[in-house]
Amino acid sequence: MIRRRVHKRPLHSVPVAGSPPARGSRGRLVRAGIDWYQLVRARIERYQLVSARIER
């Protein structure tokens, strides 16, 4: 797993390496952050589904 050094302030704490909002201009961060947030949530939901299936 890739661990990154924490920047000055965490951007709404997205624990995913190489997230689009993490790098790039500030203006793009606001627009991309919304799409990225949805993408991360979908990934988390999928992960929870998989982990639940493994537990069973």
N, C-alpha and C. Protein backbone atom coordinates (compact mmCIF):
# COMPACT_ATOMS: atom_id res chain seq x y z
N MET A 1 0.85 -1.19 0.00
CA MET A 1 0.00 0.00 0.00
C MET A 1 0.88 1.24 0.00
N ILE A 2 0.48 2.24 -0.76
CA ILE A 2 1.30 3.45 -0.87
C ILE A 2 0.86 4.45 0.20
N ARG A 3 1.81 4.86 1.02
CA ARG A 3 1.52 5.87 2.04
C ARG A 3 2.14 7.19 1.61
N ARG A 4 1.39 8.26 1.76
CA ARG A 4 1.91 9.57 1.38
C ARG A 4 2.15 10.40 2.61
N ARG A 5 3.12 11.33 2.51
CA ARG A 5 3.30 12.27 3.60
C ARG A 5 2.11 13.22 3.63
N VAL A 6 1.61 13.51 4.80
CA VAL A 6 0.44 14.37 4.93
C VAL A 6 0.82 15.80 4.60
N HIS A 7 0.00 16.45 3.79
CA HIS A 7 0.28 17.84 3.42
C HIS A 7 -0.06 18.76 4.58
N LYS A 8 0.13 20.08 4.35
CA LYS A 8 -0.12 21.05 5.40
C LYS A 8 -1.48 20.84 6.03
N ARG A 9 -2.51 20.75 5.18
CA ARG A 9 -3.86 20.50 5.70
C ARG A 9 -4.50 19.44 4.82
N PRO A 10 -5.14 18.43 5.41
CA PRO A 10 -5.75 17.36 4.63
C PRO A 10 -6.98 17.89 3.88
N LEU A 11 -7.06 17.61 2.58
CA LEU A 11 -8.20 18.06 1.78
C LEU A 11 -9.36 17.12 2.03
N HIS A 12 -10.33 17.57 2.79
CA HIS A 12 -11.49 16.76 3.16
C HIS A 12 -11.15 15.27 3.28
N SER A 13 -9.92 15.01 3.74
CA SER A 13 -9.45 13.67 4.10
C SER A 13 -9.95 12.56 3.18
N VAL A 14 -9.38 12.49 1.99
CA VAL A 14 -9.69 11.36 1.11
C VAL A 14 -8.51 10.40 1.16
N PRO A 15 -8.65 9.26 1.82
CA PRO A 15 -7.50 8.36 2.00
C PRO A 15 -7.22 7.51 0.77
N VAL A 16 -7.08 8.15 -0.38
CA VAL A 16 -6.80 7.41 -1.61
C VAL A 16 -5.57 8.02 -2.26
N ALA A 17 -4.60 7.20 -2.62
CA ALA A 17 -3.37 7.71 -3.20
C ALA A 17 -3.63 8.26 -4.60
N GLY A 18 -3.05 9.41 -4.90
CA GLY A 18 -3.17 9.98 -6.24
C GLY A 18 -4.56 10.48 -6.55
N SER A 19 -5.26 11.03 -5.56
CA SER A 19 -6.60 11.55 -5.81
C SER A 19 -6.49 12.85 -6.61
N PRO A 20 -7.33 13.04 -7.63
CA PRO A 20 -7.27 14.24 -8.46
C PRO A 20 -7.28 15.55 -7.67
N PRO A 21 -8.14 15.71 -6.65
CA PRO A 21 -8.16 16.97 -5.93
C PRO A 21 -6.85 17.24 -5.18
N ALA A 22 -6.10 16.19 -4.86
CA ALA A 22 -4.89 16.37 -4.06
C ALA A 22 -3.89 17.23 -4.81
N ARG A 23 -3.73 17.00 -6.11
CA ARG A 23 -2.80 17.82 -6.88
C ARG A 23 -3.57 18.61 -7.94
N GLY A 24 -2.93 19.65 -8.46
CA GLY A 24 -3.60 20.47 -9.47
C GLY A 24 -3.99 21.82 -8.90
N SER A 25 -4.61 22.64 -9.73
CA SER A 25 -4.96 24.00 -9.32
C SER A 25 -6.11 23.98 -8.32
N ARG A 26 -6.30 25.11 -7.64
CA ARG A 26 -7.31 25.20 -6.60
C ARG A 26 -8.71 25.23 -7.21
N GLY A 27 -8.85 25.90 -8.36
CA GLY A 27 -10.17 26.01 -8.99
C GLY A 27 -10.69 24.65 -9.43
N ARG A 28 -9.78 23.82 -9.98
CA ARG A 28 -10.20 22.50 -10.44
C ARG A 28 -10.57 21.62 -9.25
N LEU A 29 -9.93 21.89 -8.10
CA LEU A 29 -10.17 21.07 -6.91
C LEU A 29 -11.64 21.09 -6.53
N VAL A 30 -12.26 22.27 -6.59
CA VAL A 30 -13.66 22.37 -6.17
C VAL A 30 -14.55 21.55 -7.09
N ARG A 31 -14.35 21.70 -8.40
CA ARG A 31 -15.21 20.97 -9.35
C ARG A 31 -14.91 19.47 -9.29
N ALA A 32 -13.63 19.12 -9.32
CA ALA A 32 -13.26 17.70 -9.36
C ALA A 32 -13.57 17.03 -8.02
N GLY A 33 -13.52 17.80 -6.95
CA GLY A 33 -13.76 17.23 -5.62
C GLY A 33 -15.12 16.58 -5.52
N ILE A 34 -16.13 17.19 -6.14
CA ILE A 34 -17.49 16.64 -6.07
C ILE A 34 -17.55 15.29 -6.78
N ASP A 35 -17.03 15.26 -8.01
CA ASP A 35 -17.04 13.99 -8.75
C ASP A 35 -16.21 12.95 -8.00
N TRP A 36 -15.05 13.39 -7.50
CA TRP A 36 -14.15 12.47 -6.80
C TRP A 36 -14.82 11.92 -5.55
N TYR A 37 -15.58 12.80 -4.85
CA TYR A 37 -16.26 12.37 -3.63
C TYR A 37 -17.24 11.25 -3.94
N GLN A 38 -18.02 11.44 -5.02
CA GLN A 38 -18.98 10.40 -5.41
C GLN A 38 -18.25 9.11 -5.78
N LEU A 39 -17.14 9.26 -6.50
CA LEU A 39 -16.37 8.09 -6.92
C LEU A 39 -15.85 7.33 -5.70
N VAL A 40 -15.34 8.07 -4.73
CA VAL A 40 -14.80 7.44 -3.52
C VAL A 40 -15.92 6.74 -2.76
N ARG A 41 -17.08 7.40 -2.64
CA ARG A 41 -18.20 6.79 -1.92
C ARG A 41 -18.62 5.49 -2.58
N ALA A 42 -18.68 5.50 -3.92
CA ALA A 42 -19.06 4.28 -4.63
C ALA A 42 -18.04 3.18 -4.35
N ARG A 43 -16.76 3.56 -4.33
CA ARG A 43 -15.71 2.57 -4.08
C ARG A 43 -15.83 2.01 -2.66
N ILE A 44 -16.14 2.89 -1.71
CA ILE A 44 -16.29 2.44 -0.32
C ILE A 44 -17.47 1.48 -0.20
N GLU A 45 -18.59 1.83 -0.85
CA GLU A 45 -19.77 0.96 -0.79
C GLU A 45 -19.45 -0.40 -1.37
N ARG A 46 -18.75 -0.41 -2.51
CA ARG A 46 -18.40 -1.68 -3.14
C ARG A 46 -17.50 -2.48 -2.21
N TYR A 47 -16.55 -1.78 -1.56
CA TYR A 47 -15.64 -2.47 -0.65
C TYR A 47 -16.41 -3.09 0.51
N GLN A 48 -17.38 -2.34 1.04
CA GLN A 48 -18.18 -2.86 2.15
C GLN A 48 -18.97 -4.08 1.71
N LEU A 49 -19.51 -4.03 0.50
CA LEU A 49 -20.26 -5.18 -0.01
C LEU A 49 -19.36 -6.40 -0.09
N VAL A 50 -18.17 -6.21 -0.65
CA VAL A 50 -17.23 -7.33 -0.80
C VAL A 50 -16.84 -7.88 0.57
N SER A 51 -16.51 -6.98 1.51
CA SER A 51 -16.08 -7.44 2.83
C SER A 51 -17.23 -8.17 3.54
N ALA A 52 -18.45 -7.69 3.36
CA ALA A 52 -19.60 -8.36 3.98
C ALA A 52 -19.77 -9.76 3.39
N ARG A 53 -19.55 -9.87 2.10
CA ARG A 53 -19.69 -11.17 1.44
C ARG A 53 -18.61 -12.13 1.95
N ILE A 54 -17.41 -11.59 2.21
CA ILE A 54 -16.32 -12.44 2.70
C ILE A 54 -16.65 -12.94 4.10
N GLU A 55 -17.19 -12.05 4.92
CA GLU A 55 -17.51 -12.43 6.31
C GLU A 55 -18.51 -13.57 6.34
N ARG A 56 -19.48 -13.56 5.43
CA ARG A 56 -20.51 -14.58 5.45
C ARG A 56 -19.92 -15.94 5.13
